[in-house]
Amino acid sequence: MRNPSRLLSVVSSVVVVAGLAACAAPMSQPTPVSNYPATYPAQQPQGNYIEYGRVSNVETLRTQDPARTSGVGAILGGVAGAAVGSQIGGGSGRTAATVIGAVGGAVAGNAVERNRNTQPVNESYRVSVQLDNGGSRAYDVPSYGDLRVGDRVKIENNQLYRMR
């Protein structure tokens, strides 16, 4: 065996990098919620109009703002990755492995920090209305108030009103 402390250093560095990589979640962008009021399909009647219908569905839309990072995770990951890379190879191969390890560690460390700094979830609601004329519309609203599925509604200038 060449050097037991070097072997221990390589093994511990690999465990640290594997732990960082395991904490990273796939990166995805949140689905944006359209501004209230919105109708689907995108064609909106012009001018003043009144329509009637029934609420056919109310669903909750949850979005999450992307987390911000301070750079500390990238720095710590880069240092850990460089330490692992410096244990591999010799000469110019060792230099390349150190650089690759630093870059990979920085990416992994940044992803771990981003996952730990999650932002609060924003909730809004999509109220679907089956119109009396056979059409349907959906409205993204911050709060649906006392509307329930089956309620009769009046739509005036893109605003929902519950019929009493």
C-alpha atoms as a PDB file:
ATOM      1  CA  MET A   1       0.000   0.000   0.000  1.00  0.00           C
ATOM      2  CA  ARG A   2       1.434   3.358  -1.042  1.00  0.00           C
ATOM      3  CA  ASN A   3       0.199   5.849   1.526  1.00  0.00           C
ATOM      4  CA  PRO A   4      -2.683   5.064   3.902  1.00  0.00           C
ATOM      5  CA  SER A   5      -3.367   8.728   4.721  1.00  0.00           C
ATOM      6  CA  ARG A   6      -3.697   9.574   1.032  1.00  0.00           C
ATOM      7  CA  LEU A   7      -6.141   6.696   0.526  1.00  0.00           C
ATOM      8  CA  LEU A   8      -8.156   7.869   3.531  1.00  0.00           C
ATOM      9  CA  SER A   9      -8.157  11.429   2.139  1.00  0.00           C
ATOM     10  CA  VAL A  10      -9.397  10.261  -1.277  1.00  0.00           C
ATOM     11  CA  VAL A  11     -12.127   8.085   0.225  1.00  0.00           C
ATOM     12  CA  SER A  12     -13.359  10.835   2.559  1.00  0.00           C
ATOM     13  CA  SER A  13     -13.326  13.388  -0.276  1.00  0.00           C
ATOM     14  CA  VAL A  14     -15.355  11.054  -2.493  1.00  0.00           C
ATOM     15  CA  VAL A  15     -17.867  10.556   0.330  1.00  0.00           C
ATOM     16  CA  VAL A  16     -18.203  14.348   0.775  1.00  0.00           C
ATOM     17  CA  VAL A  17     -18.736  14.955  -2.956  1.00  0.00           C
ATOM     18  CA  ALA A  18     -21.198  12.051  -3.188  1.00  0.00           C
ATOM     19  CA  GLY A  19     -23.119  13.499  -0.247  1.00  0.00           C
ATOM     20  CA  LEU A  20     -23.278  16.905  -1.911  1.00  0.00           C
ATOM     21  CA  ALA A  21     -24.426  15.384  -5.185  1.00  0.00           C
ATOM     22  CA  ALA A  22     -27.110  13.316  -3.454  1.00  0.00           C
ATOM     23  CA  CYS A  23     -28.626  16.445  -1.899  1.00  0.00           C
ATOM     24  CA  ALA A  24     -28.993  18.185  -5.241  1.00  0.00           C
ATOM     25  CA  ALA A  25     -32.487  18.106  -6.746  1.00  0.00           C
ATOM     26  CA  PRO A  26     -33.195  18.462 -10.446  1.00  0.00           C
ATOM     27  CA  MET A  27     -33.403  22.103 -11.443  1.00  0.00           C
ATOM     28  CA  SER A  28     -36.775  23.171 -12.804  1.00  0.00           C
ATOM     29  CA  GLN A  29     -38.506  26.464 -13.313  1.00  0.00           C
ATOM     30  CA  PRO A  30     -41.845  27.071 -11.600  1.00  0.00           C
ATOM     31  CA  THR A  31     -44.907  27.411 -13.735  1.00  0.00           C
ATOM     32  CA  PRO A  32     -45.905  31.064 -13.695  1.00  0.00           C
ATOM     33  CA  VAL A  33     -49.407  32.030 -12.628  1.00  0.00           C
ATOM     34  CA  SER A  34     -51.010  34.471 -15.011  1.00  0.00           C
ATOM     35  CA  ASN A  35     -52.150  37.816 -13.666  1.00  0.00           C
ATOM     36  CA  TYR A  36     -55.662  38.212 -12.329  1.00  0.00           C
ATOM     37  CA  PRO A  37     -58.054  38.334 -14.021  1.00  0.00           C
ATOM     38  CA  ALA A  38     -57.224  36.084 -16.937  1.00  0.00           C
ATOM     39  CA  THR A  39     -59.450  34.121 -19.253  1.00  0.00           C
ATOM     40  CA  TYR A  40     -58.830  31.008 -21.283  1.00  0.00           C
ATOM     41  CA  PRO A  41     -58.892  30.844 -24.220  1.00  0.00           C
ATOM     42  CA  ALA A  42     -56.880  34.034 -24.594  1.00  0.00           C
ATOM     43  CA  GLN A  43     -59.596  35.829 -26.599  1.00  0.00           C
ATOM     44  CA  GLN A  44     -61.278  38.346 -24.337  1.00  0.00           C
ATOM     45  CA  PRO A  45     -64.455  40.123 -25.347  1.00  0.00           C
ATOM     46  CA  GLN A  46     -64.054  43.874 -25.877  1.00  0.00           C
ATOM     47  CA  GLY A  47     -66.072  46.504 -24.030  1.00  0.00           C
ATOM     48  CA  ASN A  48     -68.713  45.936 -21.353  1.00  0.00           C
ATOM     49  CA  TYR A  49     -70.241  42.485 -21.311  1.00  0.00           C
ATOM     50  CA  ILE A  50     -72.173  40.248 -18.955  1.00  0.00           C
ATOM     51  CA  GLU A  51     -72.262  36.445 -19.046  1.00  0.00           C
ATOM     52  CA  TYR A  52     -73.774  33.860 -16.732  1.00  0.00           C
ATOM     53  CA  GLY A  53     -72.719  30.341 -15.843  1.00  0.00           C
ATOM     54  CA  ARG A  54     -71.903  27.854 -13.108  1.00  0.00           C
ATOM     55  CA  VAL A  55     -68.628  27.156 -11.329  1.00  0.00           C
ATOM     56  CA  SER A  56     -67.433  23.797 -12.632  1.00  0.00           C
ATOM     57  CA  ASN A  57     -64.098  23.506 -10.815  1.00  0.00           C
ATOM     58  CA  VAL A  58     -61.866  25.304  -8.299  1.00  0.00           C
ATOM     59  CA  GLU A  59     -58.239  24.198  -8.183  1.00  0.00           C
ATOM     60  CA  THR A  60     -55.280  25.417  -6.175  1.00  0.00           C
ATOM     61  CA  LEU A  61     -52.228  26.644  -8.058  1.00  0.00           C
ATOM     62  CA  ARG A  62     -48.953  26.592  -6.147  1.00  0.00           C
ATOM     63  CA  THR A  63     -45.810  28.322  -7.327  1.00  0.00           C
ATOM     64  CA  GLN A  64     -42.482  28.808  -5.670  1.00  0.00           C
ATOM     65  CA  ASP A  65     -40.083  31.633  -6.336  1.00  0.00           C
ATOM     66  CA  PRO A  66     -36.613  30.475  -7.304  1.00  0.00           C
ATOM     67  CA  ALA A  67     -34.249  30.314  -4.344  1.00  0.00           C
ATOM     68  CA  ARG A  68     -31.348  32.719  -4.187  1.00  0.00           C
ATOM     69  CA  THR A  69     -27.821  31.654  -3.349  1.00  0.00           C
ATOM     70  CA  SER A  70     -25.083  33.584  -1.580  1.00  0.00           C
ATOM     71  CA  GLY A  71     -22.183  31.751  -3.228  1.00  0.00           C
ATOM     72  CA  VAL A  72     -21.007  30.087  -0.006  1.00  0.00           C
ATOM     73  CA  GLY A  73     -22.205  26.678  -1.233  1.00  0.00           C
ATOM     74  CA  ALA A  74     -20.320  27.101  -4.503  1.00  0.00           C
ATOM     75  CA  ILE A  75     -17.143  28.110  -2.690  1.00  0.00           C
ATOM     76  CA  LEU A  76     -17.290  25.218  -0.221  1.00  0.00           C
ATOM     77  CA  GLY A  77     -18.151  22.777  -3.000  1.00  0.00           C
ATOM     78  CA  GLY A  78     -15.322  24.109  -5.150  1.00  0.00           C
ATOM     79  CA  VAL A  79     -12.816  23.672  -2.333  1.00  0.00           C
ATOM     80  CA  ALA A  80     -14.022  20.120  -1.631  1.00  0.00           C
ATOM     81  CA  GLY A  81     -13.962  19.281  -5.351  1.00  0.00           C
ATOM     82  CA  ALA A  82     -10.446  20.673  -5.751  1.00  0.00           C
ATOM     83  CA  ALA A  83      -9.288  18.628  -2.750  1.00  0.00           C
ATOM     84  CA  VAL A  84     -10.671  15.465  -4.330  1.00  0.00           C
ATOM     85  CA  GLY A  85      -9.245  16.334  -7.756  1.00  0.00           C
ATOM     86  CA  SER A  86      -5.784  16.993  -6.364  1.00  0.00           C
ATOM     87  CA  GLN A  87      -5.660  13.396  -5.099  1.00  0.00           C
ATOM     88  CA  ILE A  88      -6.036  11.988  -8.611  1.00  0.00           C
ATOM     89  CA  GLY A  89      -3.278  11.430 -11.142  1.00  0.00           C
ATOM     90  CA  GLY A  90       0.076  13.144 -11.366  1.00  0.00           C
ATOM     91  CA  GLY A  91       1.690  16.080 -13.193  1.00  0.00           C
ATOM     92  CA  SER A  92      -0.568  17.879 -15.655  1.00  0.00           C
ATOM     93  CA  GLY A  93      -3.240  15.187 -15.161  1.00  0.00           C
ATOM     94  CA  ARG A  94      -3.428  16.105 -11.492  1.00  0.00           C
ATOM     95  CA  THR A  95      -3.809  19.787 -12.400  1.00  0.00           C
ATOM     96  CA  ALA A  96      -6.650  18.985 -14.806  1.00  0.00           C
ATOM     97  CA  ALA A  97      -8.345  16.756 -12.231  1.00  0.00           C
ATOM     98  CA  THR A  98      -8.061  19.526  -9.624  1.00  0.00           C
ATOM     99  CA  VAL A  99      -9.676  22.079 -11.952  1.00  0.00           C
ATOM    100  CA  ILE A 100     -12.451  19.669 -12.993  1.00  0.00           C
ATOM    101  CA  GLY A 101     -13.049  18.744  -9.360  1.00  0.00           C
ATOM    102  CA  ALA A 102     -13.265  22.406  -8.350  1.00  0.00           C
ATOM    103  CA  VAL A 103     -15.779  23.222 -11.094  1.00  0.00           C
ATOM    104  CA  GLY A 104     -17.889  20.133 -10.389  1.00  0.00           C
ATOM    105  CA  GLY A 105     -17.812  20.785  -6.653  1.00  0.00           C
ATOM    106  CA  ALA A 106     -18.830  24.419  -7.135  1.00  0.00           C
ATOM    107  CA  VAL A 107     -21.822  23.403  -9.264  1.00  0.00           C
ATOM    108  CA  ALA A 108     -22.878  20.748  -6.749  1.00  0.00           C
ATOM    109  CA  GLY A 109     -22.367  23.082  -3.766  1.00  0.00           C
ATOM    110  CA  ASN A 110     -24.433  25.820  -5.407  1.00  0.00           C
ATOM    111  CA  ALA A 111     -27.261  23.346  -6.126  1.00  0.00           C
ATOM    112  CA  VAL A 112     -27.238  22.156  -2.507  1.00  0.00           C
ATOM    113  CA  GLU A 113     -27.411  25.736  -1.221  1.00  0.00           C
ATOM    114  CA  ARG A 114     -30.264  26.566  -3.613  1.00  0.00           C
ATOM    115  CA  ASN A 115     -32.259  23.530  -2.428  1.00  0.00           C
ATOM    116  CA  ARG A 116     -31.767  24.449   1.212  1.00  0.00           C
ATOM    117  CA  ASN A 117     -32.889  28.074   0.664  1.00  0.00           C
ATOM    118  CA  THR A 118     -36.369  27.391  -0.641  1.00  0.00           C
ATOM    119  CA  GLN A 119     -38.735  30.319  -0.926  1.00  0.00           C
ATOM    120  CA  PRO A 120     -42.289  30.275   0.438  1.00  0.00           C
ATOM    121  CA  VAL A 121     -44.994  28.769  -1.737  1.00  0.00           C
ATOM    122  CA  ASN A 122     -47.431  31.212  -3.343  1.00  0.00           C
ATOM    123  CA  GLU A 123     -51.012  30.016  -3.677  1.00  0.00           C
ATOM    124  CA  SER A 124     -53.638  31.215  -6.108  1.00  0.00           C
ATOM    125  CA  TYR A 125     -56.770  29.575  -7.466  1.00  0.00           C
ATOM    126  CA  ARG A 126     -58.137  28.727 -10.899  1.00  0.00           C
ATOM    127  CA  VAL A 127     -61.926  28.991 -11.011  1.00  0.00           C
ATOM    128  CA  SER A 128     -63.440  27.259 -14.061  1.00  0.00           C
ATOM    129  CA  VAL A 129     -66.893  28.400 -15.187  1.00  0.00           C
ATOM    130  CA  GLN A 130     -69.236  26.575 -17.564  1.00  0.00           C
ATOM    131  CA  LEU A 131     -71.110  29.360 -19.371  1.00  0.00           C
ATOM    132  CA  ASP A 132     -74.827  29.249 -20.194  1.00  0.00           C
ATOM    133  CA  ASN A 133     -73.988  29.673 -23.905  1.00  0.00           C
ATOM    134  CA  GLY A 134     -71.957  26.400 -23.852  1.00  0.00           C
ATOM    135  CA  GLY A 135     -68.506  27.952 -23.592  1.00  0.00           C
ATOM    136  CA  SER A 136     -66.182  27.832 -20.650  1.00  0.00           C
ATOM    137  CA  ARG A 137     -63.709  30.182 -19.029  1.00  0.00           C
ATOM    138  CA  ALA A 138     -61.080  29.901 -16.340  1.00  0.00           C
ATOM    139  CA  TYR A 139     -60.008  32.710 -14.046  1.00  0.00           C
ATOM    140  CA  ASP A 140     -56.792  32.775 -12.020  1.00  0.00           C
ATOM    141  CA  VAL A 141     -57.586  34.627  -8.812  1.00  0.00           C
ATOM    142  CA  PRO A 142     -55.661  35.271  -5.573  1.00  0.00           C
ATOM    143  CA  SER A 143     -58.725  34.239  -3.515  1.00  0.00           C
ATOM    144  CA  TYR A 144     -61.982  32.639  -4.612  1.00  0.00           C
ATOM    145  CA  GLY A 145     -64.010  33.886  -1.650  1.00  0.00           C
ATOM    146  CA  ASP A 146     -67.219  31.965  -1.024  1.00  0.00           C
ATOM    147  CA  LEU A 147     -67.475  30.389  -4.511  1.00  0.00           C
ATOM    148  CA  ARG A 148     -68.126  26.650  -4.596  1.00  0.00           C
ATOM    149  CA  VAL A 149     -68.538  24.130  -7.403  1.00  0.00           C
ATOM    150  CA  GLY A 150     -72.099  24.402  -8.725  1.00  0.00           C
ATOM    151  CA  ASP A 151     -72.608  28.037  -7.696  1.00  0.00           C
ATOM    152  CA  ARG A 152     -74.327  30.299 -10.204  1.00  0.00           C
ATOM    153  CA  VAL A 153     -72.084  33.219 -11.206  1.00  0.00           C
ATOM    154  CA  LYS A 154     -72.295  36.439 -13.160  1.00  0.00           C
ATOM    155  CA  ILE A 155     -69.255  37.528 -15.156  1.00  0.00           C
ATOM    156  CA  GLU A 156     -69.147  41.264 -15.686  1.00  0.00           C
ATOM    157  CA  ASN A 157     -66.109  42.853 -17.317  1.00  0.00           C
ATOM    158  CA  ASN A 158     -63.961  39.830 -16.523  1.00  0.00           C
ATOM    159  CA  GLN A 159     -64.926  39.821 -12.819  1.00  0.00           C
ATOM    160  CA  LEU A 160     -66.722  36.913 -11.120  1.00  0.00           C
ATOM    161  CA  TYR A 161     -69.738  37.600  -8.899  1.00  0.00           C
ATOM    162  CA  ARG A 162     -71.689  34.947  -7.023  1.00  0.00           C
ATOM    163  CA  MET A 163     -75.441  35.085  -7.699  1.00  0.00           C
ATOM    164  CA  ARG A 164     -77.520  35.062  -4.519  1.00  0.00           C
END
